[in-house]
Amino acid sequence: MATEGTESNYNSSTEGLQDQSSPRQSLPPHSGGSTITEFQSRSGARVQLSRNFEFFPGTSDRVIMVSGLVDNILKAVELILGKLIDEFYAEDGDDVRSKVRLVVPNSSCGGIIGKGGATIKSFIEDSRAGIKISPQDNNFPGLHDRLVIVTGTLGEQMRAIELILYKLAEDRHYIQSIIAPFPYAG
């Protein structure tokens, strides 16, 4: 498994990214698209934000989709989470603990969990982040995704997301799913 700072030619996509710091907005309201453009140019990844009033089913959360090479995705996610933490937790200090939710195809969650929960336990131990996967029976009709909730400091979240992305990159079901259109981000 590759570690931080290594290059990967694998083209991946986070199925979606939601931050729970503010349920009504994902990026500062004054950004007008310039923030997303900056994230794209600084990371090399493609960043898409769902339209106003287009939320992940059953929530009031907009979705950010990040796609590209794994290392570029990780850079974009770090920029996005850093910006959200700066905007919404400015007075709370350096080691703010927040939650981010990743939208992952149901068919790929077994690989993240691992046999008897071994993989997810190793990710939690390695990253020191909290990682939980929503139950299968919480899905809405026609929804084939689950939420992977990552809780921790920015560094802990980034390590957990890195481990999850590289695990997804090994999964042939995930590779097939990223070819399909993503319904949550305009």
C-alpha atoms as a PDB file:
ATOM      1  CA  MET A   1       0.000   0.000   0.000  1.00  0.00           C
ATOM      2  CA  ALA A   2       1.356   3.410  -0.909  1.00  0.00           C
ATOM      3  CA  THR A   3       1.921   5.999   1.773  1.00  0.00           C
ATOM      4  CA  GLU A   4       1.667   9.754   1.917  1.00  0.00           C
ATOM      5  CA  GLY A   5       3.856  11.506  -0.585  1.00  0.00           C
ATOM      6  CA  THR A   6       4.087   8.633  -3.044  1.00  0.00           C
ATOM      7  CA  GLU A   7       2.828   8.948  -6.580  1.00  0.00           C
ATOM      8  CA  SER A   8       0.091   6.795  -7.978  1.00  0.00           C
ATOM      9  CA  ASN A   9      -1.170   6.656 -11.526  1.00  0.00           C
ATOM     10  CA  TYR A  10      -4.452   5.148 -10.400  1.00  0.00           C
ATOM     11  CA  ASN A  11      -7.346   7.352 -11.419  1.00  0.00           C
ATOM     12  CA  SER A  12      -9.882   7.357  -8.635  1.00  0.00           C
ATOM     13  CA  SER A  13     -12.754   9.365  -7.342  1.00  0.00           C
ATOM     14  CA  THR A  14     -14.038   9.968  -3.900  1.00  0.00           C
ATOM     15  CA  GLU A  15     -17.651   9.090  -4.352  1.00  0.00           C
ATOM     16  CA  GLY A  16     -18.493  12.157  -2.366  1.00  0.00           C
ATOM     17  CA  LEU A  17     -17.401  14.168   0.586  1.00  0.00           C
ATOM     18  CA  GLN A  18     -19.595  15.864   3.132  1.00  0.00           C
ATOM     19  CA  ASP A  19     -18.524  17.943   6.093  1.00  0.00           C
ATOM     20  CA  GLN A  20     -20.801  18.043   9.104  1.00  0.00           C
ATOM     21  CA  SER A  21     -19.466  21.310  10.466  1.00  0.00           C
ATOM     22  CA  SER A  22     -22.350  23.178   8.876  1.00  0.00           C
ATOM     23  CA  PRO A  23     -25.301  21.201   7.565  1.00  0.00           C
ATOM     24  CA  ARG A  24     -26.476  23.918   5.209  1.00  0.00           C
ATOM     25  CA  GLN A  25     -23.307  24.827   3.412  1.00  0.00           C
ATOM     26  CA  SER A  26     -20.173  23.026   2.411  1.00  0.00           C
ATOM     27  CA  LEU A  27     -17.960  25.912   1.424  1.00  0.00           C
ATOM     28  CA  PRO A  28     -18.090  29.549   2.504  1.00  0.00           C
ATOM     29  CA  PRO A  29     -21.052  31.286   0.849  1.00  0.00           C
ATOM     30  CA  HIS A  30     -18.929  34.092  -0.556  1.00  0.00           C
ATOM     31  CA  SER A  31     -16.671  31.783  -2.539  1.00  0.00           C
ATOM     32  CA  GLY A  32     -18.603  32.138  -5.821  1.00  0.00           C
ATOM     33  CA  GLY A  33     -16.716  29.238  -7.373  1.00  0.00           C
ATOM     34  CA  SER A  34     -13.290  30.830  -6.963  1.00  0.00           C
ATOM     35  CA  THR A  35     -12.494  28.615  -3.978  1.00  0.00           C
ATOM     36  CA  ILE A  36     -13.275  25.471  -5.966  1.00  0.00           C
ATOM     37  CA  THR A  37     -11.186  26.738  -8.881  1.00  0.00           C
ATOM     38  CA  GLU A  38      -8.292  27.364  -6.486  1.00  0.00           C
ATOM     39  CA  PHE A  39      -8.614  23.864  -4.992  1.00  0.00           C
ATOM     40  CA  GLN A  40      -8.536  22.363  -8.493  1.00  0.00           C
ATOM     41  CA  SER A  41      -5.495  24.320  -9.623  1.00  0.00           C
ATOM     42  CA  ARG A  42      -3.546  23.656  -6.407  1.00  0.00           C
ATOM     43  CA  SER A  43      -4.344  19.934  -6.285  1.00  0.00           C
ATOM     44  CA  GLY A  44      -4.680  18.808  -9.898  1.00  0.00           C
ATOM     45  CA  ALA A  45      -7.960  17.048  -8.985  1.00  0.00           C
ATOM     46  CA  ARG A  46     -11.437  17.848 -10.266  1.00  0.00           C
ATOM     47  CA  VAL A  47     -13.740  19.265  -7.577  1.00  0.00           C
ATOM     48  CA  GLN A  48     -17.507  19.470  -8.051  1.00  0.00           C
ATOM     49  CA  LEU A  49     -20.061  20.799  -5.569  1.00  0.00           C
ATOM     50  CA  SER A  50     -23.714  19.777  -5.734  1.00  0.00           C
ATOM     51  CA  ARG A  51     -26.081  22.590  -6.640  1.00  0.00           C
ATOM     52  CA  ASN A  52     -27.889  24.639  -4.012  1.00  0.00           C
ATOM     53  CA  PHE A  53     -30.754  22.600  -2.583  1.00  0.00           C
ATOM     54  CA  GLU A  54     -29.370  19.342  -4.038  1.00  0.00           C
ATOM     55  CA  PHE A  55     -28.600  17.309  -0.943  1.00  0.00           C
ATOM     56  CA  PHE A  56     -27.479  13.803  -0.165  1.00  0.00           C
ATOM     57  CA  PRO A  57     -30.687  11.765   0.315  1.00  0.00           C
ATOM     58  CA  GLY A  58     -32.126  12.029   3.807  1.00  0.00           C
ATOM     59  CA  THR A  59     -29.872  14.944   4.821  1.00  0.00           C
ATOM     60  CA  SER A  60     -29.539  18.673   4.314  1.00  0.00           C
ATOM     61  CA  ASP A  61     -25.885  18.212   3.284  1.00  0.00           C
ATOM     62  CA  ARG A  62     -24.500  19.207  -0.086  1.00  0.00           C
ATOM     63  CA  VAL A  63     -21.946  16.867  -1.625  1.00  0.00           C
ATOM     64  CA  ILE A  64     -18.445  17.618  -2.890  1.00  0.00           C
ATOM     65  CA  MET A  65     -17.115  15.146  -5.449  1.00  0.00           C
ATOM     66  CA  VAL A  66     -13.358  14.966  -5.938  1.00  0.00           C
ATOM     67  CA  SER A  67     -11.862  12.933  -8.786  1.00  0.00           C
ATOM     68  CA  GLY A  68      -8.435  12.369 -10.301  1.00  0.00           C
ATOM     69  CA  LEU A  69      -5.210  10.640  -9.307  1.00  0.00           C
ATOM     70  CA  VAL A  70      -5.245   9.410  -5.710  1.00  0.00           C
ATOM     71  CA  ASP A  71      -2.481  11.779  -4.581  1.00  0.00           C
ATOM     72  CA  ASN A  72      -4.278  14.716  -6.243  1.00  0.00           C
ATOM     73  CA  ILE A  73      -7.547  13.715  -4.561  1.00  0.00           C
ATOM     74  CA  LEU A  74      -5.809  13.614  -1.189  1.00  0.00           C
ATOM     75  CA  LYS A  75      -4.361  17.094  -1.745  1.00  0.00           C
ATOM     76  CA  ALA A  76      -7.783  18.467  -2.740  1.00  0.00           C
ATOM     77  CA  VAL A  77      -9.480  16.857   0.268  1.00  0.00           C
ATOM     78  CA  GLU A  78      -6.836  18.330   2.571  1.00  0.00           C
ATOM     79  CA  LEU A  79      -7.409  21.794   1.069  1.00  0.00           C
ATOM     80  CA  ILE A  80     -11.198  21.446   1.375  1.00  0.00           C
ATOM     81  CA  LEU A  81     -11.161  20.182   4.957  1.00  0.00           C
ATOM     82  CA  GLY A  82      -8.564  22.779   5.952  1.00  0.00           C
ATOM     83  CA  LYS A  83     -10.746  25.557   4.545  1.00  0.00           C
ATOM     84  CA  LEU A  84     -13.860  24.227   6.294  1.00  0.00           C
ATOM     85  CA  ILE A  85     -12.038  23.944   9.611  1.00  0.00           C
ATOM     86  CA  ASP A  86     -10.641  27.481   9.230  1.00  0.00           C
ATOM     87  CA  GLU A  87     -14.102  28.868   8.436  1.00  0.00           C
ATOM     88  CA  PHE A  88     -16.201  27.027  11.002  1.00  0.00           C
ATOM     89  CA  TYR A  89     -13.801  26.326  13.879  1.00  0.00           C
ATOM     90  CA  ALA A  90     -11.608  29.456  13.823  1.00  0.00           C
ATOM     91  CA  GLU A  91     -11.755  30.063  17.582  1.00  0.00           C
ATOM     92  CA  ASP A  92     -11.355  26.443  18.642  1.00  0.00           C
ATOM     93  CA  GLY A  93      -7.572  26.123  18.273  1.00  0.00           C
ATOM     94  CA  ASP A  94      -5.250  23.943  16.207  1.00  0.00           C
ATOM     95  CA  ASP A  95      -6.320  20.363  16.922  1.00  0.00           C
ATOM     96  CA  VAL A  96     -10.013  20.664  16.135  1.00  0.00           C
ATOM     97  CA  ARG A  97     -11.882  17.351  15.913  1.00  0.00           C
ATOM     98  CA  SER A  98     -14.527  17.328  13.206  1.00  0.00           C
ATOM     99  CA  LYS A  99     -16.521  14.819  11.158  1.00  0.00           C
ATOM    100  CA  VAL A 100     -16.411  14.222   7.445  1.00  0.00           C
ATOM    101  CA  ARG A 101     -18.615  11.750   5.623  1.00  0.00           C
ATOM    102  CA  LEU A 102     -17.458   9.880   2.536  1.00  0.00           C
ATOM    103  CA  VAL A 103     -20.062   8.463   0.159  1.00  0.00           C
ATOM    104  CA  VAL A 104     -18.885   4.963  -0.810  1.00  0.00           C
ATOM    105  CA  PRO A 105     -20.662   2.338  -2.949  1.00  0.00           C
ATOM    106  CA  ASN A 106     -22.232  -0.345  -0.788  1.00  0.00           C
ATOM    107  CA  SER A 107     -20.405  -3.013  -2.817  1.00  0.00           C
ATOM    108  CA  SER A 108     -17.039  -1.565  -1.720  1.00  0.00           C
ATOM    109  CA  CYS A 109     -17.696  -1.265   2.016  1.00  0.00           C
ATOM    110  CA  GLY A 110     -16.820  -4.908   2.711  1.00  0.00           C
ATOM    111  CA  GLY A 111     -13.232  -4.250   1.652  1.00  0.00           C
ATOM    112  CA  ILE A 112     -12.987  -1.319   4.053  1.00  0.00           C
ATOM    113  CA  ILE A 113     -14.460  -3.390   6.888  1.00  0.00           C
ATOM    114  CA  GLY A 114     -12.360  -6.499   6.196  1.00  0.00           C
ATOM    115  CA  LYS A 115     -12.804  -9.989   7.577  1.00  0.00           C
ATOM    116  CA  GLY A 116     -14.165  -9.714  11.103  1.00  0.00           C
ATOM    117  CA  GLY A 117     -13.595  -5.940  10.993  1.00  0.00           C
ATOM    118  CA  ALA A 118      -9.807  -6.376  10.785  1.00  0.00           C
ATOM    119  CA  THR A 119      -9.204  -3.778   8.053  1.00  0.00           C
ATOM    120  CA  ILE A 120     -11.254  -0.984   9.589  1.00  0.00           C
ATOM    121  CA  LYS A 121      -9.689  -1.701  13.003  1.00  0.00           C
ATOM    122  CA  SER A 122      -6.201  -1.397  11.488  1.00  0.00           C
ATOM    123  CA  PHE A 123      -7.198   1.893   9.801  1.00  0.00           C
ATOM    124  CA  ILE A 124      -8.475   3.249  13.134  1.00  0.00           C
ATOM    125  CA  GLU A 125      -5.283   2.178  14.907  1.00  0.00           C
ATOM    126  CA  ASP A 126      -3.009   3.595  12.178  1.00  0.00           C
ATOM    127  CA  SER A 127      -4.832   6.921  11.724  1.00  0.00           C
ATOM    128  CA  ARG A 128      -6.138   7.411  15.288  1.00  0.00           C
ATOM    129  CA  ALA A 129      -9.375   8.662  13.695  1.00  0.00           C
ATOM    130  CA  GLY A 130     -12.824   7.344  14.433  1.00  0.00           C
ATOM    131  CA  ILE A 131     -14.196   5.463  11.403  1.00  0.00           C
ATOM    132  CA  LYS A 132     -17.772   4.208  11.209  1.00  0.00           C
ATOM    133  CA  ILE A 133     -19.773   2.875   8.265  1.00  0.00           C
ATOM    134  CA  SER A 134     -23.523   3.430   8.076  1.00  0.00           C
ATOM    135  CA  PRO A 135     -25.680   0.289   8.190  1.00  0.00           C
ATOM    136  CA  GLN A 136     -26.891  -1.216   4.927  1.00  0.00           C
ATOM    137  CA  ASP A 137     -30.516  -0.991   6.001  1.00  0.00           C
ATOM    138  CA  ASN A 138     -30.356   2.818   6.350  1.00  0.00           C
ATOM    139  CA  ASN A 139     -30.477   3.240   2.578  1.00  0.00           C
ATOM    140  CA  PHE A 140     -33.185   5.029   0.649  1.00  0.00           C
ATOM    141  CA  PRO A 141     -34.838   3.236  -2.292  1.00  0.00           C
ATOM    142  CA  GLY A 142     -32.511   3.326  -5.306  1.00  0.00           C
ATOM    143  CA  LEU A 143     -29.525   4.423  -3.206  1.00  0.00           C
ATOM    144  CA  HIS A 144     -26.567   2.060  -3.515  1.00  0.00           C
ATOM    145  CA  ASP A 145     -24.140   4.008  -1.342  1.00  0.00           C
ATOM    146  CA  ARG A 146     -23.227   4.080   2.321  1.00  0.00           C
ATOM    147  CA  LEU A 147     -21.594   6.750   4.432  1.00  0.00           C
ATOM    148  CA  VAL A 148     -18.139   6.281   5.909  1.00  0.00           C
ATOM    149  CA  ILE A 149     -17.894   8.733   8.804  1.00  0.00           C
ATOM    150  CA  VAL A 150     -14.363   9.823   9.735  1.00  0.00           C
ATOM    151  CA  THR A 151     -13.906  11.760  12.997  1.00  0.00           C
ATOM    152  CA  GLY A 152     -10.680  13.346  14.184  1.00  0.00           C
ATOM    153  CA  THR A 153      -8.199  16.136  13.712  1.00  0.00           C
ATOM    154  CA  LEU A 154      -7.307  17.122  10.158  1.00  0.00           C
ATOM    155  CA  GLY A 155      -4.177  14.950  10.259  1.00  0.00           C
ATOM    156  CA  GLU A 156      -6.076  11.948  11.612  1.00  0.00           C
ATOM    157  CA  GLN A 157      -8.824  12.362   9.031  1.00  0.00           C
ATOM    158  CA  MET A 158      -6.352  12.685   6.182  1.00  0.00           C
ATOM    159  CA  ARG A 159      -4.497   9.520   7.183  1.00  0.00           C
ATOM    160  CA  ALA A 160      -7.794   7.614   7.465  1.00  0.00           C
ATOM    161  CA  ILE A 161      -8.985   8.935   4.092  1.00  0.00           C
ATOM    162  CA  GLU A 162      -5.647   7.975   2.521  1.00  0.00           C
ATOM    163  CA  LEU A 163      -5.962   4.413   3.836  1.00  0.00           C
ATOM    164  CA  ILE A 164      -9.578   4.188   2.664  1.00  0.00           C
ATOM    165  CA  LEU A 165      -8.805   5.547  -0.825  1.00  0.00           C
ATOM    166  CA  TYR A 166      -5.932   3.153  -1.395  1.00  0.00           C
ATOM    167  CA  LYS A 167      -8.129   0.277  -0.222  1.00  0.00           C
ATOM    168  CA  LEU A 168     -10.854   1.388  -2.661  1.00  0.00           C
ATOM    169  CA  ALA A 169      -8.253   1.593  -5.446  1.00  0.00           C
ATOM    170  CA  GLU A 170      -7.641  -2.158  -4.973  1.00  0.00           C
ATOM    171  CA  ASP A 171     -11.367  -2.984  -5.265  1.00  0.00           C
ATOM    172  CA  ARG A 172     -12.597  -3.970  -8.736  1.00  0.00           C
ATOM    173  CA  HIS A 173     -16.211  -3.183  -7.718  1.00  0.00           C
ATOM    174  CA  TYR A 174     -15.186   0.366  -6.848  1.00  0.00           C
ATOM    175  CA  ILE A 175     -13.261   0.788 -10.082  1.00  0.00           C
ATOM    176  CA  GLN A 176     -16.415  -0.176 -12.011  1.00  0.00           C
ATOM    177  CA  SER A 177     -18.604   2.164  -9.953  1.00  0.00           C
ATOM    178  CA  ILE A 178     -16.520   5.285 -10.589  1.00  0.00           C
ATOM    179  CA  ILE A 179     -17.200   4.983 -14.307  1.00  0.00           C
ATOM    180  CA  ALA A 180     -20.940   5.468 -13.682  1.00  0.00           C
ATOM    181  CA  PRO A 181     -22.309   9.030 -13.447  1.00  0.00           C
ATOM    182  CA  PHE A 182     -22.363  10.454  -9.933  1.00  0.00           C
ATOM    183  CA  PRO A 183     -25.890  11.695  -9.135  1.00  0.00           C
ATOM    184  CA  TYR A 184     -25.073  13.929  -6.148  1.00  0.00           C
ATOM    185  CA  ALA A 185     -22.731  16.534  -7.645  1.00  0.00           C
ATOM    186  CA  GLY A 186     -23.707  18.842 -10.487  1.00  0.00           C
END
